[in-house]
Every structure is written in structure tokens, then in C-alpha cells.
């Protein structure tokens, strides 16, 4: 690409370098924000009775890796303060965790079965965001670290383009 695109050596123009820096900062910020939000949700969680309506594993190939990633899915309904809600969140993070193997993803949801009752958790500040496990996911931290690398690359390239 000759119009400021990215190459293996980094952005070819100042505009591309600044764009990479901004994208990296945005990804880092969102990852940090999501990790903080999920930590707060776990700390403030209120247990509620829930009914599992569907359990499965979704597969998806991502552009960043040649293989297939697997995502555990559990759909459940619950009631909080007289209102009925539905959710598909196993963990309280907005960034979902993917697994390299289908068996690893199935292990995450192995304790759930459609039609059975379970305990879900609700952050009173966000009652429609119920989740099943009061554990934080590392997925937001991975996003934040990826964003830091992008921002670092964009920052270095920006400085090179300004000086060069």
C-alpha cells in the first residue's frame, strides 16, 4: 500500500503512525475499563436464581490466527427486583474469552444444562448484565496489553516520521 497503509515495518506515513497510536490507546483504554468494570461487578454481585435455557460452544475463525477459536455460551433467564432478564454472559467481562480447543470451552460450561436451575449474579448497578461465574476474565487484560504494543509501535513510528 502506498497511501499510508501499514507494512511489516510499521506505518508508512505520519498519518498511519498516528492512527496506529490512537487505535492502540483506544484498545488499551477499553481493556482497562472492561477489567475495572468486571472487577466492580464481581465485588458488588448479588446472587439470584436463574434458569438455563441453552448451553453450547460457538466456533469462529479469527483473522489474527490461522486456527479456530471456541467460545462457551450459556443463555439463562433470571429475575431481579421483580423484573425478568436474560443474559448470555458466563463471566462479567464484555470482552469474551475464547479457547483454542472445543473441549476447553465445553469444560467452562460443563456444569450447566438446559432447563436446570443455577445461581447467577447481578451487579445492582447493571441488572441486565447478569453473569454465572464470580471470577474475572483475563480477556480484557490481553486486550489492554495488545493495545499497549500497538500504541508503542504507533508512538515510535510517529516520532520517526516527525524527525525523519
N, C-alpha and C. Protein backbone atom coordinates (compact mmCIF):
# COMPACT_ATOMS: atom_id res chain seq x y z
N UNK A 1 0.84 -1.18 0.00
CA UNK A 1 0.00 0.00 0.00
C UNK A 1 0.88 1.24 0.00
N UNK A 2 0.62 2.13 -0.86
CA UNK A 2 1.45 3.31 -0.93
C UNK A 2 0.76 4.55 -0.38
N UNK A 3 -0.48 4.43 0.09
CA UNK A 3 -1.22 5.59 0.55
C UNK A 3 -1.29 5.66 2.07
N UNK A 4 -0.19 5.36 2.76
CA UNK A 4 -0.17 5.50 4.20
C UNK A 4 -0.61 4.26 4.93
N UNK A 5 -0.70 3.15 4.26
CA UNK A 5 -1.12 1.91 4.90
C UNK A 5 -0.05 1.37 5.81
N UNK A 6 -0.30 0.21 6.35
CA UNK A 6 0.63 -0.43 7.24
C UNK A 6 1.43 -1.47 6.49
N UNK A 7 2.67 -1.63 6.88
CA UNK A 7 3.50 -2.69 6.34
C UNK A 7 4.10 -3.45 7.51
N UNK A 8 4.88 -4.45 7.22
CA UNK A 8 5.51 -5.23 8.29
C UNK A 8 6.44 -4.35 9.11
N UNK A 9 7.02 -3.33 8.49
CA UNK A 9 7.92 -2.42 9.18
C UNK A 9 7.17 -1.33 9.94
N UNK A 10 5.86 -1.32 9.88
CA UNK A 10 5.07 -0.31 10.56
C UNK A 10 4.40 0.61 9.55
N UNK A 11 3.75 1.65 10.06
CA UNK A 11 3.06 2.59 9.18
C UNK A 11 4.04 3.30 8.26
N UNK A 12 3.61 3.58 7.02
CA UNK A 12 4.49 4.21 6.03
C UNK A 12 4.40 5.73 6.07
N UNK A 13 3.37 6.28 6.72
CA UNK A 13 3.22 7.74 6.78
C UNK A 13 2.96 8.18 8.20
N UNK A 14 3.09 9.48 8.43
CA UNK A 14 2.79 10.05 9.74
C UNK A 14 1.32 9.81 10.10
N UNK A 15 0.46 9.95 9.13
CA UNK A 15 -0.97 9.74 9.35
C UNK A 15 -1.23 8.30 9.82
N UNK A 16 -0.59 7.32 9.18
CA UNK A 16 -0.74 5.92 9.58
C UNK A 16 -0.18 5.66 10.96
N UNK A 17 0.96 6.29 11.28
CA UNK A 17 1.58 6.11 12.59
C UNK A 17 0.69 6.67 13.69
N UNK A 18 0.14 7.85 13.46
CA UNK A 18 -0.75 8.46 14.46
C UNK A 18 -2.02 7.62 14.62
N UNK A 19 -2.53 7.11 13.52
CA UNK A 19 -3.71 6.25 13.58
C UNK A 19 -3.44 5.00 14.40
N UNK A 20 -2.29 4.37 14.18
CA UNK A 20 -1.91 3.19 14.96
C UNK A 20 -1.78 3.52 16.44
N UNK A 21 -1.18 4.67 16.75
CA UNK A 21 -1.05 5.12 18.13
C UNK A 21 -2.43 5.30 18.76
N UNK A 22 -3.34 5.95 18.06
CA UNK A 22 -4.69 6.20 18.60
C UNK A 22 -5.48 4.90 18.79
N UNK A 23 -5.36 4.00 17.82
CA UNK A 23 -6.05 2.71 17.95
C UNK A 23 -5.50 1.95 19.15
N UNK A 24 -4.19 1.95 19.29
CA UNK A 24 -3.57 1.28 20.44
C UNK A 24 -4.03 1.85 21.76
N UNK A 25 -4.09 3.17 21.85
CA UNK A 25 -4.56 3.81 23.09
C UNK A 25 -6.03 3.48 23.36
N UNK A 26 -6.84 3.44 22.31
CA UNK A 26 -8.26 3.11 22.48
C UNK A 26 -8.43 1.67 22.96
N UNK A 27 -7.70 0.73 22.36
CA UNK A 27 -7.80 -0.67 22.77
C UNK A 27 -7.32 -0.84 24.20
N UNK A 28 -6.23 -0.19 24.55
CA UNK A 28 -5.72 -0.25 25.93
C UNK A 28 -6.74 0.31 26.90
N UNK A 29 -7.29 1.45 26.57
CA UNK A 29 -8.28 2.08 27.44
C UNK A 29 -9.51 1.22 27.62
N UNK A 30 -10.00 0.64 26.53
CA UNK A 30 -11.20 -0.21 26.64
C UNK A 30 -10.91 -1.46 27.45
N UNK A 31 -9.74 -2.07 27.23
CA UNK A 31 -9.38 -3.26 28.01
C UNK A 31 -9.30 -2.96 29.49
N UNK A 32 -8.65 -1.84 29.84
CA UNK A 32 -8.54 -1.44 31.25
C UNK A 32 -9.91 -1.13 31.83
N UNK A 33 -10.74 -0.42 31.07
CA UNK A 33 -12.09 -0.08 31.51
C UNK A 33 -12.91 -1.35 31.76
N UNK A 34 -12.86 -2.30 30.81
CA UNK A 34 -13.63 -3.53 30.94
C UNK A 34 -13.15 -4.35 32.14
N UNK A 35 -11.85 -4.40 32.37
CA UNK A 35 -11.33 -5.14 33.52
C UNK A 35 -11.82 -4.51 34.83
N UNK A 36 -11.81 -3.19 34.88
CA UNK A 36 -12.30 -2.48 36.07
C UNK A 36 -13.79 -2.73 36.27
N UNK A 37 -14.55 -2.67 35.19
CA UNK A 37 -15.99 -2.89 35.27
C UNK A 37 -16.30 -4.30 35.77
N UNK A 38 -15.60 -5.31 35.24
CA UNK A 38 -15.89 -6.68 35.66
C UNK A 38 -15.46 -6.89 37.10
N UNK A 39 -14.38 -6.27 37.52
CA UNK A 39 -13.95 -6.39 38.92
C UNK A 39 -14.99 -5.79 39.85
N UNK A 40 -15.53 -4.62 39.48
CA UNK A 40 -16.58 -3.99 40.27
C UNK A 40 -17.84 -4.86 40.30
N UNK A 41 -18.19 -5.45 39.16
CA UNK A 41 -19.38 -6.31 39.09
C UNK A 41 -19.23 -7.51 40.02
N UNK A 42 -18.04 -8.11 40.05
CA UNK A 42 -17.81 -9.25 40.93
C UNK A 42 -17.89 -8.82 42.40
N UNK A 43 -17.29 -7.67 42.71
CA UNK A 43 -17.30 -7.17 44.09
C UNK A 43 -18.71 -6.85 44.58
N UNK A 44 -19.55 -6.32 43.70
CA UNK A 44 -20.90 -5.88 44.07
C UNK A 44 -21.98 -6.92 43.78
N UNK A 45 -21.60 -8.10 43.31
CA UNK A 45 -22.56 -9.10 42.83
C UNK A 45 -23.56 -9.54 43.90
N UNK A 46 -24.80 -9.70 43.44
CA UNK A 46 -25.89 -10.22 44.26
C UNK A 46 -26.33 -11.53 43.60
N UNK A 47 -26.43 -12.60 44.38
CA UNK A 47 -26.84 -13.90 43.84
C UNK A 47 -28.35 -13.90 43.58
N UNK A 48 -28.74 -14.47 42.43
CA UNK A 48 -30.14 -14.63 42.07
C UNK A 48 -30.35 -16.02 41.50
N UNK A 49 -31.59 -16.52 41.59
CA UNK A 49 -31.92 -17.80 40.98
C UNK A 49 -32.08 -17.60 39.48
N UNK A 50 -31.54 -18.54 38.72
CA UNK A 50 -31.62 -18.44 37.26
C UNK A 50 -32.00 -19.79 36.68
N UNK A 51 -32.53 -19.76 35.46
CA UNK A 51 -32.85 -20.98 34.73
C UNK A 51 -32.07 -20.96 33.42
N UNK A 52 -31.32 -22.02 33.20
CA UNK A 52 -30.53 -22.16 31.98
C UNK A 52 -31.48 -22.55 30.85
N UNK A 53 -31.41 -21.82 29.73
CA UNK A 53 -32.28 -22.13 28.60
C UNK A 53 -31.52 -22.77 27.43
N UNK A 54 -30.20 -22.53 27.37
CA UNK A 54 -29.42 -23.10 26.27
C UNK A 54 -27.95 -23.12 26.66
N UNK A 55 -27.25 -24.19 26.28
CA UNK A 55 -25.82 -24.33 26.54
C UNK A 55 -25.16 -24.80 25.25
N UNK A 56 -24.00 -24.24 24.94
CA UNK A 56 -23.30 -24.68 23.74
C UNK A 56 -21.92 -24.09 23.63
N UNK A 57 -21.29 -24.37 22.51
CA UNK A 57 -19.97 -23.83 22.19
C UNK A 57 -20.04 -23.32 20.76
N UNK A 58 -19.68 -22.08 20.56
CA UNK A 58 -19.64 -21.49 19.23
C UNK A 58 -18.22 -21.52 18.73
N UNK A 59 -18.06 -21.76 17.44
CA UNK A 59 -16.73 -21.73 16.85
C UNK A 59 -16.66 -20.57 15.88
N UNK A 60 -15.49 -19.96 15.84
CA UNK A 60 -15.27 -18.85 14.93
C UNK A 60 -13.80 -18.78 14.58
N UNK A 61 -13.53 -18.52 13.33
CA UNK A 61 -12.13 -18.30 12.95
C UNK A 61 -11.89 -16.81 12.99
N UNK A 62 -10.76 -16.43 13.52
CA UNK A 62 -10.43 -15.02 13.62
C UNK A 62 -9.36 -14.69 12.59
N UNK A 63 -9.33 -13.46 12.19
CA UNK A 63 -8.37 -13.04 11.19
C UNK A 63 -6.95 -13.03 11.72
N UNK A 64 -6.79 -12.99 13.06
CA UNK A 64 -5.45 -12.86 13.62
C UNK A 64 -4.74 -14.20 13.81
N UNK A 65 -5.49 -15.28 13.76
CA UNK A 65 -4.84 -16.59 13.93
C UNK A 65 -5.39 -17.56 12.89
N UNK A 66 -4.57 -18.51 12.48
CA UNK A 66 -4.99 -19.43 11.42
C UNK A 66 -6.01 -20.47 11.89
N UNK A 67 -6.11 -20.72 13.18
CA UNK A 67 -6.98 -21.76 13.70
C UNK A 67 -8.37 -21.26 14.01
N UNK A 68 -9.12 -22.11 14.65
CA UNK A 68 -10.48 -21.80 15.06
C UNK A 68 -10.49 -21.56 16.56
N UNK A 69 -11.22 -20.55 17.00
CA UNK A 69 -11.41 -20.28 18.42
C UNK A 69 -12.79 -20.76 18.83
N UNK A 70 -12.93 -21.15 20.09
CA UNK A 70 -14.20 -21.65 20.61
C UNK A 70 -14.63 -20.78 21.78
N UNK A 71 -15.92 -20.46 21.80
CA UNK A 71 -16.47 -19.61 22.86
C UNK A 71 -17.62 -20.35 23.54
N UNK A 72 -17.52 -20.54 24.86
CA UNK A 72 -18.61 -21.19 25.57
C UNK A 72 -19.81 -20.25 25.66
N UNK A 73 -21.01 -20.78 25.47
CA UNK A 73 -22.21 -19.96 25.56
C UNK A 73 -23.23 -20.62 26.48
N UNK A 74 -23.82 -19.81 27.32
CA UNK A 74 -24.91 -20.25 28.19
C UNK A 74 -25.94 -19.14 28.17
N UNK A 75 -27.14 -19.46 27.76
CA UNK A 75 -28.24 -18.49 27.80
C UNK A 75 -29.08 -18.83 29.02
N UNK A 76 -29.41 -17.81 29.81
CA UNK A 76 -30.18 -18.05 31.03
C UNK A 76 -31.09 -16.86 31.32
N UNK A 77 -32.14 -17.13 32.08
CA UNK A 77 -33.07 -16.08 32.50
C UNK A 77 -33.04 -15.99 34.02
N UNK A 78 -33.34 -14.81 34.52
CA UNK A 78 -33.34 -14.58 35.97
C UNK A 78 -34.23 -13.39 36.28
N UNK A 79 -34.58 -13.28 37.53
CA UNK A 79 -35.41 -12.17 37.97
C UNK A 79 -34.65 -11.38 39.02
N UNK A 80 -34.70 -10.06 38.89
CA UNK A 80 -34.07 -9.19 39.88
C UNK A 80 -35.00 -8.03 40.16
N UNK A 81 -35.36 -7.88 41.42
CA UNK A 81 -36.27 -6.83 41.89
C UNK A 81 -37.55 -6.76 41.05
N UNK A 82 -38.12 -7.94 40.77
CA UNK A 82 -39.41 -8.02 40.10
C UNK A 82 -39.37 -7.94 38.58
N UNK A 83 -38.21 -7.76 38.00
CA UNK A 83 -38.09 -7.68 36.54
C UNK A 83 -37.34 -8.89 36.03
N UNK A 84 -37.83 -9.48 34.93
CA UNK A 84 -37.16 -10.64 34.35
C UNK A 84 -36.14 -10.20 33.31
N UNK A 85 -35.01 -10.85 33.35
CA UNK A 85 -33.90 -10.54 32.43
C UNK A 85 -33.41 -11.83 31.79
N UNK A 86 -32.67 -11.68 30.69
CA UNK A 86 -31.99 -12.80 30.04
C UNK A 86 -30.56 -12.36 29.77
N UNK A 87 -29.64 -13.30 29.84
CA UNK A 87 -28.23 -12.99 29.60
C UNK A 87 -27.53 -14.19 28.97
N UNK A 88 -26.38 -13.92 28.40
CA UNK A 88 -25.54 -14.99 27.86
C UNK A 88 -24.11 -14.89 28.41
N UNK A 89 -23.92 -14.13 29.46
CA UNK A 89 -22.58 -13.89 29.99
C UNK A 89 -22.17 -14.94 31.01
N UNK A 90 -21.13 -15.68 30.70
CA UNK A 90 -20.58 -16.61 31.67
C UNK A 90 -19.77 -15.82 32.68
N UNK A 91 -18.94 -14.90 32.20
CA UNK A 91 -18.12 -14.03 33.04
C UNK A 91 -18.64 -12.60 32.94
N UNK A 92 -18.33 -11.73 33.89
CA UNK A 92 -18.86 -10.37 33.85
C UNK A 92 -18.17 -9.44 32.86
N UNK A 93 -17.22 -9.92 32.10
CA UNK A 93 -16.48 -9.09 31.15
C UNK A 93 -17.26 -8.92 29.85
N UNK A 94 -17.19 -7.73 29.27
CA UNK A 94 -17.80 -7.51 27.95
C UNK A 94 -16.96 -8.17 26.85
N UNK A 95 -15.65 -8.27 27.08
CA UNK A 95 -14.76 -8.94 26.14
C UNK A 95 -14.80 -10.42 26.47
N UNK A 96 -15.28 -11.24 25.54
CA UNK A 96 -15.46 -12.66 25.82
C UNK A 96 -14.16 -13.43 25.68
N UNK A 97 -14.05 -14.46 26.49
CA UNK A 97 -12.89 -15.34 26.44
C UNK A 97 -13.11 -16.40 25.36
N UNK A 98 -12.09 -16.62 24.55
CA UNK A 98 -12.11 -17.67 23.56
C UNK A 98 -11.09 -18.73 23.95
N UNK A 99 -11.33 -19.95 23.50
CA UNK A 99 -10.46 -21.08 23.84
C UNK A 99 -9.95 -21.72 22.56
N UNK A 100 -8.75 -22.28 22.65
CA UNK A 100 -8.11 -22.89 21.48
C UNK A 100 -8.76 -24.21 21.08
N UNK A 101 -9.34 -24.92 22.06
CA UNK A 101 -9.95 -26.21 21.76
C UNK A 101 -11.41 -26.21 22.18
N UNK A 102 -12.19 -27.02 21.47
CA UNK A 102 -13.60 -27.13 21.81
C UNK A 102 -13.77 -27.75 23.20
N UNK A 103 -12.92 -28.71 23.55
CA UNK A 103 -13.04 -29.36 24.86
C UNK A 103 -12.78 -28.36 26.00
N UNK A 104 -11.87 -27.43 25.82
CA UNK A 104 -11.61 -26.42 26.85
C UNK A 104 -12.83 -25.51 27.03
N UNK A 105 -13.46 -25.14 25.93
CA UNK A 105 -14.67 -24.31 26.01
C UNK A 105 -15.82 -25.08 26.65
N UNK A 106 -15.96 -26.36 26.31
CA UNK A 106 -17.03 -27.19 26.89
C UNK A 106 -16.83 -27.36 28.40
N UNK A 107 -15.58 -27.44 28.84
CA UNK A 107 -15.30 -27.59 30.26
C UNK A 107 -15.83 -26.40 31.06
N UNK A 108 -15.76 -25.20 30.48
CA UNK A 108 -16.23 -23.99 31.15
C UNK A 108 -17.73 -24.07 31.43
N UNK A 109 -18.49 -24.67 30.51
CA UNK A 109 -19.94 -24.72 30.65
C UNK A 109 -20.47 -26.10 31.05
N UNK A 110 -19.57 -26.99 31.43
CA UNK A 110 -19.97 -28.38 31.73
C UNK A 110 -20.92 -28.52 32.90
N UNK A 111 -20.92 -27.57 33.81
CA UNK A 111 -21.80 -27.66 34.98
C UNK A 111 -23.22 -27.17 34.72
N UNK A 112 -23.49 -26.69 33.49
CA UNK A 112 -24.81 -26.16 33.17
C UNK A 112 -25.52 -27.06 32.17
N UNK A 113 -26.85 -27.16 32.33
CA UNK A 113 -27.67 -27.94 31.40
C UNK A 113 -28.97 -27.19 31.17
N UNK A 114 -29.45 -27.21 29.95
CA UNK A 114 -30.70 -26.53 29.60
C UNK A 114 -31.84 -27.06 30.46
N UNK A 115 -32.64 -26.14 30.96
CA UNK A 115 -33.80 -26.49 31.78
C UNK A 115 -33.50 -26.58 33.27
N UNK A 116 -32.25 -26.53 33.65
CA UNK A 116 -31.90 -26.64 35.07
C UNK A 116 -31.75 -25.27 35.71
N UNK A 117 -31.94 -25.28 37.03
CA UNK A 117 -31.75 -24.06 37.81
C UNK A 117 -30.29 -23.93 38.20
N UNK A 118 -29.87 -22.68 38.34
CA UNK A 118 -28.50 -22.40 38.77
C UNK A 118 -28.50 -21.05 39.47
N UNK A 119 -27.36 -20.66 39.96
CA UNK A 119 -27.21 -19.34 40.57
C UNK A 119 -26.51 -18.44 39.58
N UNK A 120 -27.08 -17.27 39.37
CA UNK A 120 -26.46 -16.24 38.56
C UNK A 120 -26.14 -15.07 39.47
N UNK A 121 -25.41 -14.13 38.95
CA UNK A 121 -25.02 -12.97 39.75
C UNK A 121 -25.34 -11.70 38.98
N UNK A 122 -25.76 -10.69 39.74
CA UNK A 122 -26.19 -9.43 39.15
C UNK A 122 -25.49 -8.28 39.87
N UNK A 123 -24.97 -7.36 39.11
CA UNK A 123 -24.46 -6.12 39.67
C UNK A 123 -25.68 -5.19 39.78
N UNK A 124 -26.06 -4.77 40.98
CA UNK A 124 -27.24 -3.91 41.12
C UNK A 124 -27.19 -2.65 40.24
N UNK A 125 -26.00 -2.19 39.91
CA UNK A 125 -25.87 -1.02 39.05
C UNK A 125 -26.16 -1.35 37.58
N UNK A 126 -26.15 -2.64 37.24
CA UNK A 126 -26.39 -3.08 35.85
C UNK A 126 -27.14 -4.40 35.87
N UNK A 127 -28.41 -4.39 36.29
CA UNK A 127 -29.14 -5.65 36.47
C UNK A 127 -29.37 -6.46 35.20
N UNK A 128 -29.29 -5.85 34.03
CA UNK A 128 -29.49 -6.63 32.81
C UNK A 128 -28.20 -7.31 32.35
N UNK A 129 -27.12 -7.15 33.09
CA UNK A 129 -25.84 -7.76 32.73
C UNK A 129 -25.49 -8.94 33.63
N UNK A 130 -26.45 -9.84 33.88
CA UNK A 130 -26.20 -10.99 34.74
C UNK A 130 -25.10 -11.89 34.20
N UNK A 131 -24.43 -12.59 35.11
CA UNK A 131 -23.35 -13.50 34.73
C UNK A 131 -23.35 -14.70 35.66
N UNK A 132 -22.66 -15.75 35.27
CA UNK A 132 -22.72 -17.02 36.00
C UNK A 132 -21.55 -17.27 36.93
N UNK A 133 -20.39 -16.77 36.62
CA UNK A 133 -19.20 -17.06 37.43
C UNK A 133 -18.68 -15.77 38.03
N UNK A 134 -18.49 -15.78 39.34
CA UNK A 134 -17.96 -14.60 40.02
C UNK A 134 -16.43 -14.62 39.98
N UNK A 135 -15.93 -14.70 38.76
CA UNK A 135 -14.49 -14.69 38.50
C UNK A 135 -14.22 -13.65 37.43
N UNK A 136 -13.08 -13.03 37.53
CA UNK A 136 -12.72 -12.11 36.47
C UNK A 136 -12.05 -12.88 35.33
N UNK A 137 -12.24 -12.40 34.14
CA UNK A 137 -11.64 -12.99 32.95
C UNK A 137 -10.37 -12.21 32.61
N UNK A 138 -9.39 -12.90 32.07
CA UNK A 138 -8.16 -12.22 31.66
C UNK A 138 -8.27 -11.59 30.27
N UNK A 139 -9.36 -11.83 29.57
CA UNK A 139 -9.51 -11.31 28.21
C UNK A 139 -9.32 -9.79 28.14
N UNK A 140 -9.87 -8.99 29.05
CA UNK A 140 -9.63 -7.54 28.98
C UNK A 140 -8.17 -7.16 29.17
N UNK A 141 -7.46 -7.93 30.01
CA UNK A 141 -6.03 -7.64 30.21
C UNK A 141 -5.23 -7.93 28.94
N UNK A 142 -5.59 -9.01 28.24
CA UNK A 142 -4.92 -9.31 26.97
C UNK A 142 -5.18 -8.19 25.96
N UNK A 143 -6.40 -7.69 25.94
CA UNK A 143 -6.73 -6.58 25.04
C UNK A 143 -5.91 -5.34 25.40
N UNK A 144 -5.80 -5.05 26.68
CA UNK A 144 -5.03 -3.89 27.12
C UNK A 144 -3.56 -4.01 26.74
N UNK A 145 -2.99 -5.19 26.91
CA UNK A 145 -1.59 -5.41 26.55
C UNK A 145 -1.39 -5.29 25.04
N UNK A 146 -2.30 -5.87 24.28
CA UNK A 146 -2.23 -5.74 22.82
C UNK A 146 -2.28 -4.27 22.43
N UNK A 147 -3.18 -3.53 23.07
CA UNK A 147 -3.29 -2.10 22.79
C UNK A 147 -2.01 -1.35 23.13
N UNK A 148 -1.36 -1.75 24.23
CA UNK A 148 -0.09 -1.10 24.59
C UNK A 148 0.97 -1.32 23.52
N UNK A 149 1.04 -2.54 22.98
CA UNK A 149 2.01 -2.81 21.92
C UNK A 149 1.69 -1.99 20.67
N UNK A 150 0.42 -1.91 20.33
CA UNK A 150 0.03 -1.09 19.16
C UNK A 150 0.38 0.38 19.40
N UNK A 151 0.06 0.87 20.60
CA UNK A 151 0.36 2.26 20.92
C UNK A 151 1.86 2.53 20.91
N UNK A 152 2.62 1.59 21.45
CA UNK A 152 4.08 1.74 21.45
C UNK A 152 4.61 1.78 20.02
N UNK A 153 4.16 0.85 19.19
CA UNK A 153 4.58 0.84 17.79
C UNK A 153 4.17 2.12 17.08
N UNK A 154 2.95 2.56 17.32
CA UNK A 154 2.47 3.80 16.71
C UNK A 154 3.23 5.02 17.21
N UNK A 155 3.55 5.02 18.50
CA UNK A 155 4.30 6.14 19.07
C UNK A 155 5.71 6.23 18.51
N UNK A 156 6.38 5.09 18.45
CA UNK A 156 7.74 5.06 17.88
C UNK A 156 7.71 5.49 16.41
N UNK A 157 6.74 4.97 15.66
CA UNK A 157 6.64 5.33 14.25
C UNK A 157 6.30 6.80 14.07
N UNK A 158 5.48 7.34 14.95
CA UNK A 158 5.13 8.77 14.88
C UNK A 158 6.37 9.63 15.08
N UNK A 159 7.15 9.30 16.09
CA UNK A 159 8.38 10.06 16.37
C UNK A 159 9.34 9.96 15.19
N UNK A 160 9.48 8.75 14.61
CA UNK A 160 10.36 8.58 13.44
C UNK A 160 9.90 9.43 12.27
N UNK A 161 8.58 9.46 12.03
CA UNK A 161 8.04 10.21 10.89
C UNK A 161 8.19 11.71 11.12
N UNK A 162 8.05 12.16 12.36
CA UNK A 162 8.20 13.60 12.65
C UNK A 162 9.66 14.01 12.50
N UNK A 163 10.57 13.21 12.99
CA UNK A 163 12.00 13.52 12.92
C UNK A 163 12.57 13.30 11.52
N UNK A 164 11.96 12.34 10.81
CA UNK A 164 12.57 11.88 9.57
C UNK A 164 12.28 12.68 8.39
